[in-house]
């Protein structure tokens, strides 16, 4: 069940969980969905029973390290993204998804629209002094000295 506290395997101050994905035939989807509604809760971002709209902006370095690590099945890897829900900038999250073999750890930090615009412009120095360790890690990962960030089309219109 998404968002449940206390699930997963503790790893320091983080929790690891299995991220299992399955292919479903279309005729199996609706009956399974009806059964799951009886034992799960809607995600807080849901706008109705159909769920919600997600847009994500993934970051990588100039060498496409995150992409290559995924394609080659590297045991321990991570990727960063900015995510918005329901086509709104009311909640903007910078997230890191880390994989350790079959386990996943997802971390998120809220950012403002101004923070988002600065990051897209490649101006990440303001993150160096933040008290949030995830945002600081993003800064060190993508600072010009380390490995300049590269991203595809933004989830929110630029400017």
C-alpha atoms as a PDB file:
ATOM      1  CA  UNK A   1       0.000   0.000   0.000  1.00  0.00           C
ATOM      2  CA  UNK A   2       1.516   3.218  -1.142  1.00  0.00           C
ATOM      3  CA  UNK A   3       2.586   5.706   1.483  1.00  0.00           C
ATOM      4  CA  UNK A   4       2.246   3.434   4.500  1.00  0.00           C
ATOM      5  CA  UNK A   5       4.697   4.310   7.271  1.00  0.00           C
ATOM      6  CA  UNK A   6       6.692   1.470   8.719  1.00  0.00           C
ATOM      7  CA  UNK A   7       6.758  -0.726   5.645  1.00  0.00           C
ATOM      8  CA  UNK A   8       9.971  -1.905   4.096  1.00  0.00           C
ATOM      9  CA  UNK A   9      13.330  -2.907   5.485  1.00  0.00           C
ATOM     10  CA  UNK A  10      15.191  -0.376   7.670  1.00  0.00           C
ATOM     11  CA  UNK A  11      18.587   0.768   6.353  1.00  0.00           C
ATOM     12  CA  UNK A  12      19.891   3.452   8.680  1.00  0.00           C
ATOM     13  CA  UNK A  13      17.319   6.251   8.634  1.00  0.00           C
ATOM     14  CA  UNK A  14      15.879   5.039   5.309  1.00  0.00           C
ATOM     15  CA  UNK A  15      13.502   2.234   4.421  1.00  0.00           C
ATOM     16  CA  UNK A  16      14.105  -0.128   1.530  1.00  0.00           C
ATOM     17  CA  UNK A  17      11.227  -1.823  -0.224  1.00  0.00           C
ATOM     18  CA  UNK A  18      10.720  -4.163  -3.144  1.00  0.00           C
ATOM     19  CA  UNK A  19       9.566  -2.509  -6.347  1.00  0.00           C
ATOM     20  CA  UNK A  20       7.925  -5.297  -8.266  1.00  0.00           C
ATOM     21  CA  UNK A  21       6.298  -4.652 -11.638  1.00  0.00           C
ATOM     22  CA  UNK A  22       3.969  -6.987 -13.445  1.00  0.00           C
ATOM     23  CA  UNK A  23       2.424  -7.113 -16.888  1.00  0.00           C
ATOM     24  CA  UNK A  24      -1.358  -7.514 -16.873  1.00  0.00           C
ATOM     25  CA  UNK A  25      -3.659  -8.481 -19.649  1.00  0.00           C
ATOM     26  CA  UNK A  26      -6.324  -5.840 -20.186  1.00  0.00           C
ATOM     27  CA  UNK A  27      -9.121  -8.242 -19.245  1.00  0.00           C
ATOM     28  CA  UNK A  28      -7.386  -8.911 -15.863  1.00  0.00           C
ATOM     29  CA  UNK A  29      -6.875  -5.236 -15.035  1.00  0.00           C
ATOM     30  CA  UNK A  30     -10.387  -4.127 -13.994  1.00  0.00           C
ATOM     31  CA  UNK A  31     -11.214  -7.143 -11.758  1.00  0.00           C
ATOM     32  CA  UNK A  32      -7.860  -6.775  -9.995  1.00  0.00           C
ATOM     33  CA  UNK A  33      -8.378  -3.039  -9.605  1.00  0.00           C
ATOM     34  CA  UNK A  34     -11.792  -3.620  -7.982  1.00  0.00           C
ATOM     35  CA  UNK A  35     -10.295  -6.097  -5.496  1.00  0.00           C
ATOM     36  CA  UNK A  36      -7.401  -3.782  -4.616  1.00  0.00           C
ATOM     37  CA  UNK A  37      -9.810  -0.924  -3.867  1.00  0.00           C
ATOM     38  CA  UNK A  38     -11.128  -2.998  -0.956  1.00  0.00           C
ATOM     39  CA  UNK A  39      -7.751  -3.200   0.792  1.00  0.00           C
ATOM     40  CA  UNK A  40      -5.878  -0.035  -0.269  1.00  0.00           C
ATOM     41  CA  UNK A  41      -6.302   3.703   0.170  1.00  0.00           C
ATOM     42  CA  UNK A  42      -6.167   6.353  -2.522  1.00  0.00           C
ATOM     43  CA  UNK A  43      -2.877   8.171  -2.800  1.00  0.00           C
ATOM     44  CA  UNK A  44      -3.132  11.678  -1.285  1.00  0.00           C
ATOM     45  CA  UNK A  45      -2.431  13.242  -4.694  1.00  0.00           C
ATOM     46  CA  UNK A  46      -5.413  11.488  -6.303  1.00  0.00           C
ATOM     47  CA  UNK A  47      -8.050  13.813  -7.686  1.00  0.00           C
ATOM     48  CA  UNK A  48     -10.631  11.029  -8.055  1.00  0.00           C
ATOM     49  CA  UNK A  49     -10.844   7.242  -8.363  1.00  0.00           C
ATOM     50  CA  UNK A  50      -8.917   7.397 -11.623  1.00  0.00           C
ATOM     51  CA  UNK A  51      -5.826   8.661  -9.786  1.00  0.00           C
ATOM     52  CA  UNK A  52      -3.723  11.631 -10.786  1.00  0.00           C
ATOM     53  CA  UNK A  53      -1.489  13.054 -13.468  1.00  0.00           C
ATOM     54  CA  UNK A  54       2.280  12.923 -12.891  1.00  0.00           C
ATOM     55  CA  UNK A  55       4.966  14.737 -14.843  1.00  0.00           C
ATOM     56  CA  UNK A  56       8.599  13.980 -14.181  1.00  0.00           C
ATOM     57  CA  UNK A  57      11.830  15.600 -15.254  1.00  0.00           C
ATOM     58  CA  UNK A  58      14.824  13.266 -14.987  1.00  0.00           C
ATOM     59  CA  UNK A  59      18.374  14.474 -14.535  1.00  0.00           C
ATOM     60  CA  UNK A  60      21.545  12.834 -15.695  1.00  0.00           C
ATOM     61  CA  UNK A  61      25.116  13.894 -16.316  1.00  0.00           C
ATOM     62  CA  UNK A  62      26.736  14.551 -19.671  1.00  0.00           C
ATOM     63  CA  UNK A  63      27.811  10.900 -19.877  1.00  0.00           C
ATOM     64  CA  UNK A  64      24.262   9.538 -19.298  1.00  0.00           C
ATOM     65  CA  UNK A  65      25.544   7.632 -16.274  1.00  0.00           C
ATOM     66  CA  UNK A  66      22.096   6.955 -14.754  1.00  0.00           C
ATOM     67  CA  UNK A  67      20.760   5.691 -18.084  1.00  0.00           C
ATOM     68  CA  UNK A  68      23.731   3.381 -18.687  1.00  0.00           C
ATOM     69  CA  UNK A  69      23.646   2.049 -15.120  1.00  0.00           C
ATOM     70  CA  UNK A  70      19.967   1.145 -15.537  1.00  0.00           C
ATOM     71  CA  UNK A  71      20.485  -0.465 -18.957  1.00  0.00           C
ATOM     72  CA  UNK A  72      23.438  -2.523 -17.703  1.00  0.00           C
ATOM     73  CA  UNK A  73      21.663  -3.591 -14.500  1.00  0.00           C
ATOM     74  CA  UNK A  74      24.202  -2.026 -12.129  1.00  0.00           C
ATOM     75  CA  UNK A  75      23.464  -3.393  -8.631  1.00  0.00           C
ATOM     76  CA  UNK A  76      23.626  -0.045  -6.801  1.00  0.00           C
ATOM     77  CA  UNK A  77      22.415   3.049  -8.623  1.00  0.00           C
ATOM     78  CA  UNK A  78      20.445   6.268  -8.191  1.00  0.00           C
ATOM     79  CA  UNK A  79      18.569   8.803 -10.246  1.00  0.00           C
ATOM     80  CA  UNK A  80      17.171  12.248  -9.564  1.00  0.00           C
ATOM     81  CA  UNK A  81      13.956  13.771 -10.829  1.00  0.00           C
ATOM     82  CA  UNK A  82      11.617  16.664 -10.263  1.00  0.00           C
ATOM     83  CA  UNK A  83       7.995  15.642 -10.097  1.00  0.00           C
ATOM     84  CA  UNK A  84       4.710  17.541 -10.167  1.00  0.00           C
ATOM     85  CA  UNK A  85       1.185  16.286  -9.720  1.00  0.00           C
ATOM     86  CA  UNK A  86      -2.019  17.180 -11.558  1.00  0.00           C
ATOM     87  CA  UNK A  87      -0.303  19.731 -13.819  1.00  0.00           C
ATOM     88  CA  UNK A  88       0.138  22.113 -10.881  1.00  0.00           C
ATOM     89  CA  UNK A  89       3.126  23.729  -9.194  1.00  0.00           C
ATOM     90  CA  UNK A  90       1.365  23.587  -5.802  1.00  0.00           C
ATOM     91  CA  UNK A  91       3.561  20.605  -4.855  1.00  0.00           C
ATOM     92  CA  UNK A  92       6.960  20.317  -6.535  1.00  0.00           C
ATOM     93  CA  UNK A  93       9.250  17.531  -5.323  1.00  0.00           C
ATOM     94  CA  UNK A  94      12.885  16.856  -6.045  1.00  0.00           C
ATOM     95  CA  UNK A  95      13.281  13.116  -5.613  1.00  0.00           C
ATOM     96  CA  UNK A  96      16.057  10.559  -5.531  1.00  0.00           C
ATOM     97  CA  UNK A  97      15.327   6.941  -6.296  1.00  0.00           C
ATOM     98  CA  UNK A  98      18.080   4.569  -5.234  1.00  0.00           C
ATOM     99  CA  UNK A  99      18.240   0.890  -6.104  1.00  0.00           C
ATOM    100  CA  UNK A 100      20.192  -1.743  -4.225  1.00  0.00           C
ATOM    101  CA  UNK A 101      19.699  -4.942  -6.141  1.00  0.00           C
ATOM    102  CA  UNK A 102      15.993  -5.772  -5.764  1.00  0.00           C
ATOM    103  CA  UNK A 103      15.389  -3.047  -3.170  1.00  0.00           C
ATOM    104  CA  UNK A 104      14.321   0.561  -3.741  1.00  0.00           C
ATOM    105  CA  UNK A 105      14.576   3.653  -1.575  1.00  0.00           C
ATOM    106  CA  UNK A 106      12.705   6.813  -2.555  1.00  0.00           C
ATOM    107  CA  UNK A 107      13.430  10.163  -0.941  1.00  0.00           C
ATOM    108  CA  UNK A 108      11.767  13.501  -1.651  1.00  0.00           C
ATOM    109  CA  UNK A 109      12.192  17.155  -0.755  1.00  0.00           C
ATOM    110  CA  UNK A 110       9.740  19.927  -1.490  1.00  0.00           C
ATOM    111  CA  UNK A 111      11.039  22.816  -3.562  1.00  0.00           C
ATOM    112  CA  UNK A 112       9.480  26.092  -4.610  1.00  0.00           C
ATOM    113  CA  UNK A 113       8.719  27.232  -8.130  1.00  0.00           C
ATOM    114  CA  UNK A 114      11.653  29.670  -7.808  1.00  0.00           C
ATOM    115  CA  UNK A 115      13.963  26.791  -6.785  1.00  0.00           C
ATOM    116  CA  UNK A 116      12.707  24.808  -9.766  1.00  0.00           C
ATOM    117  CA  UNK A 117      13.409  27.674 -12.178  1.00  0.00           C
ATOM    118  CA  UNK A 118      16.923  28.115 -10.750  1.00  0.00           C
ATOM    119  CA  UNK A 119      17.715  24.412 -11.101  1.00  0.00           C
ATOM    120  CA  UNK A 120      16.533  24.416 -14.727  1.00  0.00           C
ATOM    121  CA  UNK A 121      18.773  27.404 -15.395  1.00  0.00           C
ATOM    122  CA  UNK A 122      21.705  25.391 -14.007  1.00  0.00           C
ATOM    123  CA  UNK A 123      21.975  27.642 -10.963  1.00  0.00           C
ATOM    124  CA  UNK A 124      22.209  25.123  -8.154  1.00  0.00           C
ATOM    125  CA  UNK A 125      24.637  26.884  -5.810  1.00  0.00           C
ATOM    126  CA  UNK A 126      21.800  27.879  -3.464  1.00  0.00           C
ATOM    127  CA  UNK A 127      21.379  24.180  -2.615  1.00  0.00           C
ATOM    128  CA  UNK A 128      24.887  23.928  -1.171  1.00  0.00           C
ATOM    129  CA  UNK A 129      23.860  25.542   2.122  1.00  0.00           C
ATOM    130  CA  UNK A 130      20.400  24.003   2.529  1.00  0.00           C
ATOM    131  CA  UNK A 131      19.742  21.988   5.694  1.00  0.00           C
ATOM    132  CA  UNK A 132      18.086  19.280   3.563  1.00  0.00           C
ATOM    133  CA  UNK A 133      20.609  16.514   2.864  1.00  0.00           C
ATOM    134  CA  UNK A 134      18.852  15.337  -0.325  1.00  0.00           C
ATOM    135  CA  UNK A 135      19.027  18.826  -1.856  1.00  0.00           C
ATOM    136  CA  UNK A 136      22.689  19.152  -0.810  1.00  0.00           C
ATOM    137  CA  UNK A 137      23.460  15.768  -2.392  1.00  0.00           C
ATOM    138  CA  UNK A 138      21.791  16.938  -5.608  1.00  0.00           C
ATOM    139  CA  UNK A 139      24.001  20.031  -5.556  1.00  0.00           C
ATOM    140  CA  UNK A 140      27.195  18.001  -5.111  1.00  0.00           C
ATOM    141  CA  UNK A 141      26.127  15.498  -7.764  1.00  0.00           C
ATOM    142  CA  UNK A 142      25.394  18.110 -10.395  1.00  0.00           C
ATOM    143  CA  UNK A 143      27.611  21.045  -9.502  1.00  0.00           C
ATOM    144  CA  UNK A 144      29.709  22.223 -12.454  1.00  0.00           C
ATOM    145  CA  UNK A 145      32.861  20.901 -10.806  1.00  0.00           C
ATOM    146  CA  UNK A 146      31.507  17.365 -10.554  1.00  0.00           C
ATOM    147  CA  UNK A 147      29.249  16.499 -13.427  1.00  0.00           C
ATOM    148  CA  UNK A 148      27.067  19.187 -15.014  1.00  0.00           C
ATOM    149  CA  UNK A 149      23.402  18.342 -15.013  1.00  0.00           C
ATOM    150  CA  UNK A 150      21.423  17.614 -18.116  1.00  0.00           C
ATOM    151  CA  UNK A 151      17.682  17.293 -18.336  1.00  0.00           C
ATOM    152  CA  UNK A 152      15.028  16.768 -20.941  1.00  0.00           C
ATOM    153  CA  UNK A 153      11.858  18.788 -21.373  1.00  0.00           C
ATOM    154  CA  UNK A 154      10.642  20.381 -18.129  1.00  0.00           C
ATOM    155  CA  UNK A 155       7.346  19.329 -16.519  1.00  0.00           C
ATOM    156  CA  UNK A 156       6.379  22.969 -15.970  1.00  0.00           C
ATOM    157  CA  UNK A 157       6.656  25.610 -18.650  1.00  0.00           C
ATOM    158  CA  UNK A 158       9.954  27.472 -18.392  1.00  0.00           C
ATOM    159  CA  UNK A 159       9.707  31.005 -17.047  1.00  0.00           C
END
